[in-house]
Protein backbone atom coordinates (compact mmCIF):
# COMPACT_ATOMS: atom_id res chain seq x y z
CA UNK A 1 0.25 -0.02 0.17
CA UNK A 2 1.23 3.61 -0.66
CA UNK A 3 0.82 6.48 1.32
CA UNK A 4 0.57 9.95 0.73
CA UNK A 5 3.40 11.98 2.10
CA UNK A 6 1.18 15.19 2.55
CA UNK A 7 -1.33 13.07 4.51
CA UNK A 8 1.39 11.26 6.62
CA UNK A 9 3.85 14.69 7.58
CA UNK A 10 6.61 13.29 5.54
CA UNK A 11 6.92 16.24 2.98
CA UNK A 12 5.76 19.72 2.72
CA UNK A 13 4.07 21.36 -0.24
CA UNK A 14 5.12 24.79 -1.00
CA UNK A 15 2.86 26.53 -3.47
CA UNK A 16 2.64 29.96 -4.37
CA UNK A 17 -0.66 31.54 -5.13
CA UNK A 18 -1.53 32.24 -9.00
CA UNK A 19 -3.19 35.37 -8.24
CA UNK A 20 -1.15 37.34 -5.89
CA UNK A 21 2.13 35.19 -5.37
CA UNK A 22 1.14 34.83 -1.67
CA UNK A 23 2.13 31.57 0.34
CA UNK A 24 -0.65 28.96 -0.19
CA UNK A 25 -1.54 26.73 3.00
CA UNK A 26 -2.11 22.59 2.51
CA UNK A 27 -6.29 22.29 3.64
CA UNK A 28 -5.82 18.46 3.19
CA UNK A 29 -7.39 15.94 0.82
CA UNK A 30 -10.28 17.61 -0.86
CA UNK A 31 -11.99 14.21 -0.59
CA UNK A 32 -12.92 15.38 3.29
CA UNK A 33 -14.93 18.26 2.01
CA UNK A 34 -17.16 16.34 0.61
CA UNK A 35 -19.38 14.96 3.44
CA UNK A 36 -19.77 15.24 7.18
CA UNK A 37 -18.31 11.63 7.91
CA UNK A 38 -16.09 11.44 4.19
CA UNK A 39 -12.76 11.98 6.38
CA UNK A 40 -13.13 8.63 8.49
CA UNK A 41 -13.59 6.55 4.95
CA UNK A 42 -11.36 4.81 3.09
CA UNK A 43 -9.99 6.62 0.73
CA UNK A 44 -10.80 4.31 -2.48
CA UNK A 45 -14.40 4.40 -0.72
CA UNK A 46 -14.35 8.33 -1.10
CA UNK A 47 -12.73 8.29 -4.40
CA UNK A 48 -15.68 5.98 -6.02
CA UNK A 49 -18.03 8.81 -5.51
CA UNK A 50 -15.49 12.25 -6.56
CA UNK A 51 -17.63 12.09 -10.30
CA UNK A 52 -13.95 11.00 -11.76
CA UNK A 53 -14.55 7.10 -12.91
CA UNK A 54 -10.96 6.53 -12.98
CA UNK A 55 -10.15 8.32 -10.10
CA UNK A 56 -9.86 4.86 -8.09
CA UNK A 57 -7.32 3.73 -10.45
CA UNK A 58 -5.34 6.83 -9.93
CA UNK A 59 -2.21 6.31 -7.52
CA UNK A 60 -2.45 10.50 -6.33
CA UNK A 61 -4.26 12.26 -3.80
CA UNK A 62 -5.60 15.62 -4.41
CA UNK A 63 -5.29 18.55 -1.75
CA UNK A 64 -6.88 21.68 -1.60
CA UNK A 65 -4.64 24.60 -1.08
CA UNK A 66 -5.96 27.87 0.24
CA UNK A 67 -3.78 31.15 -0.30
CA UNK A 68 -3.28 33.13 3.55
CA UNK A 69 -3.37 36.75 1.61
CA UNK A 70 -6.11 36.55 -1.35
CA UNK A 71 -8.46 33.26 -0.41
CA UNK A 72 -7.83 31.63 -3.62
CA UNK A 73 -8.09 27.67 -3.67
CA UNK A 74 -6.74 25.32 -5.68
CA UNK A 75 -6.45 21.79 -5.93
CA UNK A 76 -3.30 20.04 -6.49
CA UNK A 77 -2.75 16.13 -7.13
CA UNK A 78 0.03 14.59 -4.91
CA UNK A 79 1.39 11.63 -6.66
CA UNK A 80 1.55 8.27 -3.92
């Protein structure tokens, strides 16, 4: 089994905001924002509900990043 290095605190990802060049903060897995109990569900089960029929086959973890200056948010796929 492979693990997301961001979810497990092994690596940090530093992104600059495309709108203002501010520092973007990792907000965690995008899947955790889907439903009330999604943070507690197995990631492979959540991927089945994300609307992408191929996401459960991809070795990636999608994280939400938000700019601390202007509030812009983006999604970034983290390879696992």
